[in-house]
mmCIF file of all heavy atoms, coordinates in Angstrom:
data_MODEL
# 
_entry.id   MODEL 
# 
loop_
_atom_site.group_PDB 
_atom_site.id 
_atom_site.type_symbol 
_atom_site.label_atom_id 
_atom_site.label_alt_id 
_atom_site.label_comp_id 
_atom_site.label_asym_id 
_atom_site.label_entity_id 
_atom_site.label_seq_id 
_atom_site.pdbx_PDB_ins_code 
_atom_site.Cartn_x 
_atom_site.Cartn_y 
_atom_site.Cartn_z 
_atom_site.occupancy 
_atom_site.B_iso_or_equiv 
_atom_site.pdbx_formal_charge 
_atom_site.auth_seq_id 
_atom_site.auth_comp_id 
_atom_site.auth_asym_id 
_atom_site.auth_atom_id 
_atom_site.pdbx_PDB_model_num 
ATOM 1   N N   . ALA A 1 1  ? 107.977 89.886 86.554 1.00 0.00 ? 1  ALA A N   1 
ATOM 2   C CA  . ALA A 1 1  ? 108.111 89.912 85.093 1.00 0.00 ? 1  ALA A CA  1 
ATOM 3   C C   . ALA A 1 1  ? 107.613 88.583 84.541 1.00 0.00 ? 1  ALA A C   1 
ATOM 4   O O   . ALA A 1 1  ? 108.132 87.518 84.895 1.00 0.00 ? 1  ALA A O   1 
ATOM 5   C CB  . ALA A 1 1  ? 109.564 90.153 84.694 1.00 0.00 ? 1  ALA A CB  1 
ATOM 6   N N   . VAL A 1 2  ? 106.595 88.638 83.699 1.00 0.00 ? 2  VAL A N   1 
ATOM 7   C CA  . VAL A 1 2  ? 105.998 87.422 83.148 1.00 0.00 ? 2  VAL A CA  1 
ATOM 8   C C   . VAL A 1 2  ? 107.045 86.613 82.394 1.00 0.00 ? 2  VAL A C   1 
ATOM 9   O O   . VAL A 1 2  ? 107.827 87.162 81.602 1.00 0.00 ? 2  VAL A O   1 
ATOM 10  C CB  . VAL A 1 2  ? 104.819 87.776 82.222 1.00 0.00 ? 2  VAL A CB  1 
ATOM 11  C CG1 . VAL A 1 2  ? 104.244 86.516 81.567 1.00 0.00 ? 2  VAL A CG1 1 
ATOM 12  C CG2 . VAL A 1 2  ? 103.730 88.517 83.008 1.00 0.00 ? 2  VAL A CG2 1 
ATOM 13  N N   . GLN A 1 3  ? 107.051 85.313 82.646 1.00 0.00 ? 3  GLN A N   1 
ATOM 14  C CA  . GLN A 1 3  ? 107.977 84.398 81.989 1.00 0.00 ? 3  GLN A CA  1 
ATOM 15  C C   . GLN A 1 3  ? 107.256 83.603 80.906 1.00 0.00 ? 3  GLN A C   1 
ATOM 16  O O   . GLN A 1 3  ? 106.028 83.445 80.945 1.00 0.00 ? 3  GLN A O   1 
ATOM 17  C CB  . GLN A 1 3  ? 108.562 83.429 83.026 1.00 0.00 ? 3  GLN A CB  1 
ATOM 18  C CG  . GLN A 1 3  ? 109.294 84.116 84.182 1.00 0.00 ? 3  GLN A CG  1 
ATOM 19  C CD  . GLN A 1 3  ? 110.501 84.900 83.709 1.00 0.00 ? 3  GLN A CD  1 
ATOM 20  O OE1 . GLN A 1 3  ? 111.423 84.333 83.125 1.00 0.00 ? 3  GLN A OE1 1 
ATOM 21  N NE2 . GLN A 1 3  ? 110.487 86.201 83.959 1.00 0.00 ? 3  GLN A NE2 1 
ATOM 22  N N   . PRO A 1 4  ? 108.002 83.087 79.921 1.00 0.00 ? 4  PRO A N   1 
ATOM 23  C CA  . PRO A 1 4  ? 107.361 82.269 78.873 1.00 0.00 ? 4  PRO A CA  1 
ATOM 24  C C   . PRO A 1 4  ? 106.592 81.104 79.483 1.00 0.00 ? 4  PRO A C   1 
ATOM 25  O O   . PRO A 1 4  ? 107.071 80.425 80.388 1.00 0.00 ? 4  PRO A O   1 
ATOM 26  C CB  . PRO A 1 4  ? 108.550 81.771 78.040 1.00 0.00 ? 4  PRO A CB  1 
ATOM 27  C CG  . PRO A 1 4  ? 109.608 82.811 78.238 1.00 0.00 ? 4  PRO A CG  1 
ATOM 28  C CD  . PRO A 1 4  ? 109.452 83.280 79.659 1.00 0.00 ? 4  PRO A CD  1 
ATOM 29  N N   . GLY A 1 5  ? 105.366 80.905 78.986 1.00 0.00 ? 5  GLY A N   1 
ATOM 30  C CA  . GLY A 1 5  ? 104.525 79.824 79.488 1.00 0.00 ? 5  GLY A CA  1 
ATOM 31  C C   . GLY A 1 5  ? 103.623 80.224 80.634 1.00 0.00 ? 5  GLY A C   1 
ATOM 32  O O   . GLY A 1 5  ? 102.761 79.444 81.051 1.00 0.00 ? 5  GLY A O   1 
ATOM 33  N N   . ASP A 1 6  ? 103.800 81.426 81.190 1.00 0.00 ? 6  ASP A N   1 
ATOM 34  C CA  . ASP A 1 6  ? 102.952 81.889 82.292 1.00 0.00 ? 6  ASP A CA  1 
ATOM 35  C C   . ASP A 1 6  ? 101.545 82.214 81.807 1.00 0.00 ? 6  ASP A C   1 
ATOM 36  O O   . ASP A 1 6  ? 101.339 82.635 80.655 1.00 0.00 ? 6  ASP A O   1 
ATOM 37  C CB  . ASP A 1 6  ? 103.539 83.159 82.928 1.00 0.00 ? 6  ASP A CB  1 
ATOM 38  C CG  . ASP A 1 6  ? 104.649 82.873 83.914 1.00 0.00 ? 6  ASP A CG  1 
ATOM 39  O OD1 . ASP A 1 6  ? 104.785 81.717 84.348 1.00 0.00 ? 6  ASP A OD1 1 
ATOM 40  O OD2 . ASP A 1 6  ? 105.390 83.821 84.254 1.00 0.00 ? 6  ASP A OD2 1 
ATOM 41  N N   . ASP A 1 7  ? 100.577 82.037 82.704 1.00 0.00 ? 7  ASP A N   1 
ATOM 42  C CA  . ASP A 1 7  ? 99.253  82.627 82.531 1.00 0.00 ? 7  ASP A CA  1 
ATOM 43  C C   . ASP A 1 7  ? 98.802  83.144 83.893 1.00 0.00 ? 7  ASP A C   1 
ATOM 44  O O   . ASP A 1 7  ? 99.494  82.963 84.905 1.00 0.00 ? 7  ASP A O   1 
ATOM 45  C CB  . ASP A 1 7  ? 98.249  81.650 81.924 1.00 0.00 ? 7  ASP A CB  1 
ATOM 46  C CG  . ASP A 1 7  ? 98.029  80.390 82.775 1.00 0.00 ? 7  ASP A CG  1 
ATOM 47  O OD1 . ASP A 1 7  ? 98.199  80.468 84.016 1.00 0.00 ? 7  ASP A OD1 1 
ATOM 48  O OD2 . ASP A 1 7  ? 97.684  79.345 82.209 1.00 0.00 ? 7  ASP A OD2 1 
ATOM 49  N N   . ALA A 1 8  ? 97.650  83.793 83.935 1.00 0.00 ? 8  ALA A N   1 
ATOM 50  C CA  . ALA A 1 8  ? 97.199  84.425 85.174 1.00 0.00 ? 8  ALA A CA  1 
ATOM 51  C C   . ALA A 1 8  ? 97.059  83.407 86.296 1.00 0.00 ? 8  ALA A C   1 
ATOM 52  O O   . ALA A 1 8  ? 97.399  83.684 87.453 1.00 0.00 ? 8  ALA A O   1 
ATOM 53  C CB  . ALA A 1 8  ? 95.876  85.152 84.944 1.00 0.00 ? 8  ALA A CB  1 
ATOM 54  N N   . TRP A 1 9  ? 96.583  82.210 85.979 1.00 0.00 ? 9  TRP A N   1 
ATOM 55  C CA  . TRP A 1 9  ? 96.323  81.208 87.008 1.00 0.00 ? 9  TRP A CA  1 
ATOM 56  C C   . TRP A 1 9  ? 97.626  80.637 87.569 1.00 0.00 ? 9  TRP A C   1 
ATOM 57  O O   . TRP A 1 9  ? 97.745  80.413 88.765 1.00 0.00 ? 9  TRP A O   1 
ATOM 58  C CB  . TRP A 1 9  ? 95.431  80.107 86.428 1.00 0.00 ? 9  TRP A CB  1 
ATOM 59  C CG  . TRP A 1 9  ? 94.052  80.621 86.182 1.00 0.00 ? 9  TRP A CG  1 
ATOM 60  C CD1 . TRP A 1 9  ? 92.974  80.537 87.022 1.00 0.00 ? 9  TRP A CD1 1 
ATOM 61  C CD2 . TRP A 1 9  ? 93.612  81.358 85.039 1.00 0.00 ? 9  TRP A CD2 1 
ATOM 62  N NE1 . TRP A 1 9  ? 91.887  81.174 86.481 1.00 0.00 ? 9  TRP A NE1 1 
ATOM 63  C CE2 . TRP A 1 9  ? 92.244  81.681 85.249 1.00 0.00 ? 9  TRP A CE2 1 
ATOM 64  C CE3 . TRP A 1 9  ? 94.208  81.773 83.850 1.00 0.00 ? 9  TRP A CE3 1 
ATOM 65  C CZ2 . TRP A 1 9  ? 91.487  82.398 84.325 1.00 0.00 ? 9  TRP A CZ2 1 
ATOM 66  C CZ3 . TRP A 1 9  ? 93.456  82.481 82.928 1.00 0.00 ? 9  TRP A CZ3 1 
ATOM 67  C CH2 . TRP A 1 9  ? 92.103  82.793 83.170 1.00 0.00 ? 9  TRP A CH2 1 
ATOM 68  N N   . SER A 1 10 ? 98.605  80.417 86.699 1.00 0.00 ? 10 SER A N   1 
ATOM 69  C CA  . SER A 1 10 ? 99.876  79.887 87.191 1.00 0.00 ? 10 SER A CA  1 
ATOM 70  C C   . SER A 1 10 ? 100.611 80.924 88.040 1.00 0.00 ? 10 SER A C   1 
ATOM 71  O O   . SER A 1 10 ? 101.260 80.587 89.032 1.00 0.00 ? 10 SER A O   1 
ATOM 72  C CB  . SER A 1 10 ? 100.760 79.432 86.022 1.00 0.00 ? 10 SER A CB  1 
ATOM 73  O OG  . SER A 1 10 ? 101.175 80.530 85.222 1.00 0.00 ? 10 SER A OG  1 
ATOM 74  N N   . ILE A 1 11 ? 100.491 82.202 87.666 1.00 0.00 ? 11 ILE A N   1 
ATOM 75  C CA  . ILE A 1 11 ? 101.140 83.257 88.448 1.00 0.00 ? 11 ILE A CA  1 
ATOM 76  C C   . ILE A 1 11 ? 100.453 83.399 89.805 1.00 0.00 ? 11 ILE A C   1 
ATOM 77  O O   . ILE A 1 11 ? 101.104 83.536 90.847 1.00 0.00 ? 11 ILE A O   1 
ATOM 78  C CB  . ILE A 1 11 ? 101.123 84.591 87.672 1.00 0.00 ? 11 ILE A CB  1 
ATOM 79  C CG1 . ILE A 1 11 ? 101.995 84.478 86.416 1.00 0.00 ? 11 ILE A CG1 1 
ATOM 80  C CG2 . ILE A 1 11 ? 101.612 85.735 88.556 1.00 0.00 ? 11 ILE A CG2 1 
ATOM 81  C CD1 . ILE A 1 11 ? 101.860 85.656 85.470 1.00 0.00 ? 11 ILE A CD1 1 
ATOM 82  N N   . ALA A 1 12 ? 99.117  83.354 89.805 1.00 0.00 ? 12 ALA A N   1 
ATOM 83  C CA  . ALA A 1 12 ? 98.389  83.437 91.075 1.00 0.00 ? 12 ALA A CA  1 
ATOM 84  C C   . ALA A 1 12 ? 98.778  82.282 91.988 1.00 0.00 ? 12 ALA A C   1 
ATOM 85  O O   . ALA A 1 12 ? 98.988  82.465 93.197 1.00 0.00 ? 12 ALA A O   1 
ATOM 86  C CB  . ALA A 1 12 ? 96.883  83.432 90.809 1.00 0.00 ? 12 ALA A CB  1 
ATOM 87  N N   . ALA A 1 13 ? 98.896  81.084 91.418 1.00 0.00 ? 13 ALA A N   1 
ATOM 88  C CA  . ALA A 1 13 ? 99.288  79.923 92.220 1.00 0.00 ? 13 ALA A CA  1 
ATOM 89  C C   . ALA A 1 13 ? 100.714 80.062 92.729 1.00 0.00 ? 13 ALA A C   1 
ATOM 90  O O   . ALA A 1 13 ? 101.026 79.681 93.867 1.00 0.00 ? 13 ALA A O   1 
ATOM 91  C CB  . ALA A 1 13 ? 99.142  78.649 91.398 1.00 0.00 ? 13 ALA A CB  1 
ATOM 92  N N   . LEU A 1 14 ? 101.604 80.623 91.903 1.00 0.00 ? 14 LEU A N   1 
ATOM 93  C CA  . LEU A 1 14 ? 102.999 80.782 92.280 1.00 0.00 ? 14 LEU A CA  1 
ATOM 94  C C   . LEU A 1 14 ? 103.147 81.642 93.529 1.00 0.00 ? 14 LEU A C   1 
ATOM 95  O O   . LEU A 1 14 ? 103.961 81.356 94.415 1.00 0.00 ? 14 LEU A O   1 
ATOM 96  C CB  . LEU A 1 14 ? 103.778 81.402 91.116 1.00 0.00 ? 14 LEU A CB  1 
ATOM 97  C CG  . LEU A 1 14 ? 105.266 81.698 91.337 1.00 0.00 ? 14 LEU A CG  1 
ATOM 98  C CD1 . LEU A 1 14 ? 106.037 80.403 91.552 1.00 0.00 ? 14 LEU A CD1 1 
ATOM 99  C CD2 . LEU A 1 14 ? 105.834 82.475 90.153 1.00 0.00 ? 14 LEU A CD2 1 
ATOM 100 N N   . PHE A 1 15 ? 102.331 82.696 93.625 1.00 0.00 ? 15 PHE A N   1 
ATOM 101 C CA  . PHE A 1 15 ? 102.437 83.625 94.745 1.00 0.00 ? 15 PHE A CA  1 
ATOM 102 C C   . PHE A 1 15 ? 101.365 83.405 95.811 1.00 0.00 ? 15 PHE A C   1 
ATOM 103 O O   . PHE A 1 15 ? 101.300 84.155 96.788 1.00 0.00 ? 15 PHE A O   1 
ATOM 104 C CB  . PHE A 1 15 ? 102.397 85.069 94.243 1.00 0.00 ? 15 PHE A CB  1 
ATOM 105 C CG  . PHE A 1 15 ? 103.615 85.475 93.466 1.00 0.00 ? 15 PHE A CG  1 
ATOM 106 C CD1 . PHE A 1 15 ? 103.611 85.458 92.084 1.00 0.00 ? 15 PHE A CD1 1 
ATOM 107 C CD2 . PHE A 1 15 ? 104.786 85.824 94.121 1.00 0.00 ? 15 PHE A CD2 1 
ATOM 108 C CE1 . PHE A 1 15 ? 104.749 85.814 91.364 1.00 0.00 ? 15 PHE A CE1 1 
ATOM 109 C CE2 . PHE A 1 15 ? 105.923 86.178 93.418 1.00 0.00 ? 15 PHE A CE2 1 
ATOM 110 C CZ  . PHE A 1 15 ? 105.914 86.170 92.034 1.00 0.00 ? 15 PHE A CZ  1 
ATOM 111 N N   . GLY A 1 16 ? 100.513 82.393 95.623 1.00 0.00 ? 16 GLY A N   1 
ATOM 112 C CA  . GLY A 1 16 ? 99.505  82.091 96.626 1.00 0.00 ? 16 GLY A CA  1 
ATOM 113 C C   . GLY A 1 16 ? 98.449  83.166 96.773 1.00 0.00 ? 16 GLY A C   1 
ATOM 114 O O   . GLY A 1 16 ? 98.006  83.453 97.885 1.00 0.00 ? 16 GLY A O   1 
ATOM 115 N N   . VAL A 1 17 ? 98.043  83.759 95.646 1.00 0.00 ? 17 VAL A N   1 
ATOM 116 C CA  . VAL A 1 17 ? 97.045  84.824 95.682 1.00 0.00 ? 17 VAL A CA  1 
ATOM 117 C C   . VAL A 1 17 ? 95.836  84.417 94.839 1.00 0.00 ? 17 VAL A C   1 
ATOM 118 O O   . VAL A 1 17 ? 95.894  83.495 94.024 1.00 0.00 ? 17 VAL A O   1 
ATOM 119 C CB  . VAL A 1 17 ? 97.623  86.165 95.165 1.00 0.00 ? 17 VAL A CB  1 
ATOM 120 C CG1 . VAL A 1 17 ? 98.799  86.585 96.031 1.00 0.00 ? 17 VAL A CG1 1 
ATOM 121 C CG2 . VAL A 1 17 ? 98.054  86.071 93.702 1.00 0.00 ? 17 VAL A CG2 1 
ATOM 122 N N   . ASP A 1 18 ? 94.739  85.109 95.048 1.00 0.00 ? 18 ASP A N   1 
ATOM 123 C CA  . ASP A 1 18 ? 93.524  84.861 94.284 1.00 0.00 ? 18 ASP A CA  1 
ATOM 124 C C   . ASP A 1 18 ? 93.657  85.489 92.899 1.00 0.00 ? 18 ASP A C   1 
ATOM 125 O O   . ASP A 1 18 ? 94.099  86.631 92.761 1.00 0.00 ? 18 ASP A O   1 
ATOM 126 C CB  . ASP A 1 18 ? 92.327  85.467 95.024 1.00 0.00 ? 18 ASP A CB  1 
ATOM 127 C CG  . ASP A 1 18 ? 91.011  85.120 94.355 1.00 0.00 ? 18 ASP A CG  1 
ATOM 128 O OD1 . ASP A 1 18 ? 90.608  85.860 93.443 1.00 0.00 ? 18 ASP A OD1 1 
ATOM 129 O OD2 . ASP A 1 18 ? 90.389  84.123 94.747 1.00 0.00 ? 18 ASP A OD2 1 
ATOM 130 N N   . VAL A 1 19 ? 93.263  84.752 91.867 1.00 0.00 ? 19 VAL A N   1 
ATOM 131 C CA  . VAL A 1 19 ? 93.415  85.257 90.500 1.00 0.00 ? 19 VAL A CA  1 
ATOM 132 C C   . VAL A 1 19 ? 92.567  86.504 90.272 1.00 0.00 ? 19 VAL A C   1 
ATOM 133 O O   . VAL A 1 19 ? 92.934  87.392 89.488 1.00 0.00 ? 19 VAL A O   1 
ATOM 134 C CB  . VAL A 1 19 ? 93.082  84.148 89.480 1.00 0.00 ? 19 VAL A CB  1 
ATOM 135 C CG1 . VAL A 1 19 ? 91.585  83.835 89.482 1.00 0.00 ? 19 VAL A CG1 1 
ATOM 136 C CG2 . VAL A 1 19 ? 93.580  84.509 88.095 1.00 0.00 ? 19 VAL A CG2 1 
ATOM 137 N N   . ASN A 1 20 ? 91.430  86.624 90.980 1.00 0.00 ? 20 ASN A N   1 
ATOM 138 C CA  . ASN A 1 20 ? 90.593  87.821 90.837 1.00 0.00 ? 20 ASN A CA  1 
ATOM 139 C C   . ASN A 1 20 ? 91.291  89.054 91.420 1.00 0.00 ? 20 ASN A C   1 
ATOM 140 O O   . ASN A 1 20 ? 91.140  90.166 90.889 1.00 0.00 ? 20 ASN A O   1 
ATOM 141 C CB  . ASN A 1 20 ? 89.248  87.607 91.523 1.00 0.00 ? 20 ASN A CB  1 
ATOM 142 C CG  . ASN A 1 20 ? 88.425  86.525 90.845 1.00 0.00 ? 20 ASN A CG  1 
ATOM 143 O OD1 . ASN A 1 20 ? 88.376  86.458 89.615 1.00 0.00 ? 20 ASN A OD1 1 
ATOM 144 N ND2 . ASN A 1 20 ? 87.784  85.675 91.639 1.00 0.00 ? 20 ASN A ND2 1 
ATOM 145 N N   . GLU A 1 21 ? 92.039  88.864 92.524 1.00 0.00 ? 21 GLU A N   1 
ATOM 146 C CA  . GLU A 1 21 ? 92.801  89.976 93.085 1.00 0.00 ? 21 GLU A CA  1 
ATOM 147 C C   . GLU A 1 21 ? 93.928  90.377 92.130 1.00 0.00 ? 21 GLU A C   1 
ATOM 148 O O   . GLU A 1 21 ? 94.259  91.564 91.998 1.00 0.00 ? 21 GLU A O   1 
ATOM 149 C CB  . GLU A 1 21 ? 93.378  89.579 94.445 1.00 0.00 ? 21 GLU A CB  1 
ATOM 150 C CG  . GLU A 1 21 ? 92.330  89.323 95.521 1.00 0.00 ? 21 GLU A CG  1 
ATOM 151 C CD  . GLU A 1 21 ? 91.492  90.569 95.797 1.00 0.00 ? 21 GLU A CD  1 
ATOM 152 O OE1 . GLU A 1 21 ? 92.084  91.665 95.899 1.00 0.00 ? 21 GLU A OE1 1 
ATOM 153 O OE2 . GLU A 1 21 ? 90.259  90.434 95.902 1.00 0.00 ? 21 GLU A OE2 1 
ATOM 154 N N   . LEU A 1 22 ? 94.531  89.394 91.475 1.00 0.00 ? 22 LEU A N   1 
ATOM 155 C CA  . LEU A 1 22 ? 95.567  89.688 90.480 1.00 0.00 ? 22 LEU A CA  1 
ATOM 156 C C   . LEU A 1 22 ? 94.982  90.495 89.324 1.00 0.00 ? 22 LEU A C   1 
ATOM 157 O O   . LEU A 1 22 ? 95.603  91.447 88.832 1.00 0.00 ? 22 LEU A O   1 
ATOM 158 C CB  . LEU A 1 22 ? 96.161  88.376 89.970 1.00 0.00 ? 22 LEU A CB  1 
ATOM 159 C CG  . LEU A 1 22 ? 97.374  88.484 89.041 1.00 0.00 ? 22 LEU A CG  1 
ATOM 160 C CD1 . LEU A 1 22 ? 98.577  89.048 89.790 1.00 0.00 ? 22 LEU A CD1 1 
ATOM 161 C CD2 . LEU A 1 22 ? 97.719  87.115 88.457 1.00 0.00 ? 22 LEU A CD2 1 
ATOM 162 N N   . GLU A 1 23 ? 93.772  90.148 88.905 1.00 0.00 ? 23 GLU A N   1 
ATOM 163 C CA  . GLU A 1 23 ? 93.104  90.853 87.809 1.00 0.00 ? 23 GLU A CA  1 
ATOM 164 C C   . GLU A 1 23 ? 92.789  92.299 88.190 1.00 0.00 ? 23 GLU A C   1 
ATOM 165 O O   . GLU A 1 23 ? 92.895  93.216 87.356 1.00 0.00 ? 23 GLU A O   1 
ATOM 166 C CB  . GLU A 1 23 ? 91.818  90.114 87.441 1.00 0.00 ? 23 GLU A CB  1 
ATOM 167 C CG  . GLU A 1 23 ? 90.952  90.790 86.392 1.00 0.00 ? 23 GLU A CG  1 
ATOM 168 C CD  . GLU A 1 23 ? 91.508  90.671 84.987 1.00 0.00 ? 23 GLU A CD  1 
ATOM 169 O OE1 . GLU A 1 23 ? 92.172  89.657 84.687 1.00 0.00 ? 23 GLU A OE1 1 
ATOM 170 O OE2 . GLU A 1 23 ? 91.292  91.607 84.186 1.00 0.00 ? 23 GLU A OE2 1 
ATOM 171 N N   . LYS A 1 24 ? 92.406  92.533 89.464 1.00 0.00 ? 24 LYS A N   1 
ATOM 172 C CA  . LYS A 1 24 ? 92.084  93.894 89.880 1.00 0.00 ? 24 LYS A CA  1 
ATOM 173 C C   . LYS A 1 24 ? 93.271  94.835 89.726 1.00 0.00 ? 24 LYS A C   1 
ATOM 174 O O   . LYS A 1 24 ? 93.118  96.000 89.344 1.00 0.00 ? 24 LYS A O   1 
ATOM 175 C CB  . LYS A 1 24 ? 91.627  93.890 91.347 1.00 0.00 ? 24 LYS A CB  1 
ATOM 176 C CG  . LYS A 1 24 ? 90.253  93.303 91.571 1.00 0.00 ? 24 LYS A CG  1 
ATOM 177 C CD  . LYS A 1 24 ? 89.906  93.342 93.055 1.00 0.00 ? 24 LYS A CD  1 
ATOM 178 C CE  . LYS A 1 24 ? 88.559  92.683 93.337 1.00 0.00 ? 24 LYS A CE  1 
ATOM 179 N NZ  . LYS A 1 24 ? 88.255  92.684 94.797 1.00 0.00 ? 24 LYS A NZ  1 
ATOM 180 N N   . LEU A 1 25 ? 94.463  94.360 90.054 1.00 0.00 ? 25 LEU A N   1 
ATOM 181 C CA  . LEU A 1 25 ? 95.652  95.202 89.961 1.00 0.00 ? 25 LEU A CA  1 
ATOM 182 C C   . LEU A 1 25 ? 96.257  95.212 88.566 1.00 0.00 ? 25 LEU A C   1 
ATOM 183 O O   . LEU A 1 25 ? 97.065  96.098 88.251 1.00 0.00 ? 25 LEU A O   1 
ATOM 184 C CB  . LEU A 1 25 ? 96.707  94.723 90.966 1.00 0.00 ? 25 LEU A CB  1 
ATOM 185 C CG  . LEU A 1 25 ? 96.347  94.867 92.447 1.00 0.00 ? 25 LEU A CG  1 
ATOM 186 C CD1 . LEU A 1 25 ? 97.481  94.351 93.324 1.00 0.00 ? 25 LEU A CD1 1 
ATOM 187 C CD2 . LEU A 1 25 ? 96.054  96.325 92.792 1.00 0.00 ? 25 LEU A CD2 1 
ATOM 188 N N   . ASN A 1 26 ? 95.864  94.233 87.749 1.00 0.00 ? 26 ASN A N   1 
ATOM 189 C CA  . ASN A 1 26 ? 96.423  94.120 86.397 1.00 0.00 ? 26 ASN A CA  1 
ATOM 190 C C   . ASN A 1 26 ? 95.288  93.803 85.427 1.00 0.00 ? 26 ASN A C   1 
ATOM 191 O O   . ASN A 1 26 ? 95.139  92.654 84.974 1.00 0.00 ? 26 ASN A O   1 
ATOM 192 C CB  . ASN A 1 26 ? 97.474  93.004 86.343 1.00 0.00 ? 26 ASN A CB  1 
ATOM 193 C CG  . ASN A 1 26 ? 98.569  93.169 87.377 1.00 0.00 ? 26 ASN A CG  1 
ATOM 194 O OD1 . ASN A 1 26 ? 99.543  93.870 87.164 1.00 0.00 ? 26 ASN A OD1 1 
ATOM 195 N ND2 . ASN A 1 26 ? 98.385  92.509 88.529 1.00 0.00 ? 26 ASN A ND2 1 
ATOM 196 N N   . PRO A 1 27 ? 94.449  94.797 85.107 1.00 0.00 ? 27 PRO A N   1 
ATOM 197 C CA  . PRO A 1 27 ? 93.284  94.546 84.253 1.00 0.00 ? 27 PRO A CA  1 
ATOM 198 C C   . PRO A 1 27 ? 93.686  93.863 82.942 1.00 0.00 ? 27 PRO A C   1 
ATOM 199 O O   . PRO A 1 27 ? 94.663  94.262 82.288 1.00 0.00 ? 27 PRO A O   1 
ATOM 200 C CB  . PRO A 1 27 ? 92.722  95.954 84.002 1.00 0.00 ? 27 PRO A CB  1 
ATOM 201 C CG  . PRO A 1 27 ? 93.176  96.753 85.185 1.00 0.00 ? 27 PRO A CG  1 
ATOM 202 C CD  . PRO A 1 27 ? 94.530  96.207 85.534 1.00 0.00 ? 27 PRO A CD  1 
ATOM 203 N N   . GLY A 1 28 ? 92.922  92.834 82.599 1.00 0.00 ? 28 GLY A N   1 
ATOM 204 C CA  . GLY A 1 28 ? 93.182  92.118 81.349 1.00 0.00 ? 28 GLY A CA  1 
ATOM 205 C C   . GLY A 1 28 ? 94.195  91.005 81.455 1.00 0.00 ? 28 GLY A C   1 
ATOM 206 O O   . GLY A 1 28 ? 94.482  90.335 80.465 1.00 0.00 ? 28 GLY A O   1 
# 
């Protein structure tokens, strides 16, 4: 669940995943 202040890059870093892979599962 997205928290205040989050963006795609901070979430990707939090879980150690590639931001492009995050985008594939969550378009936009």
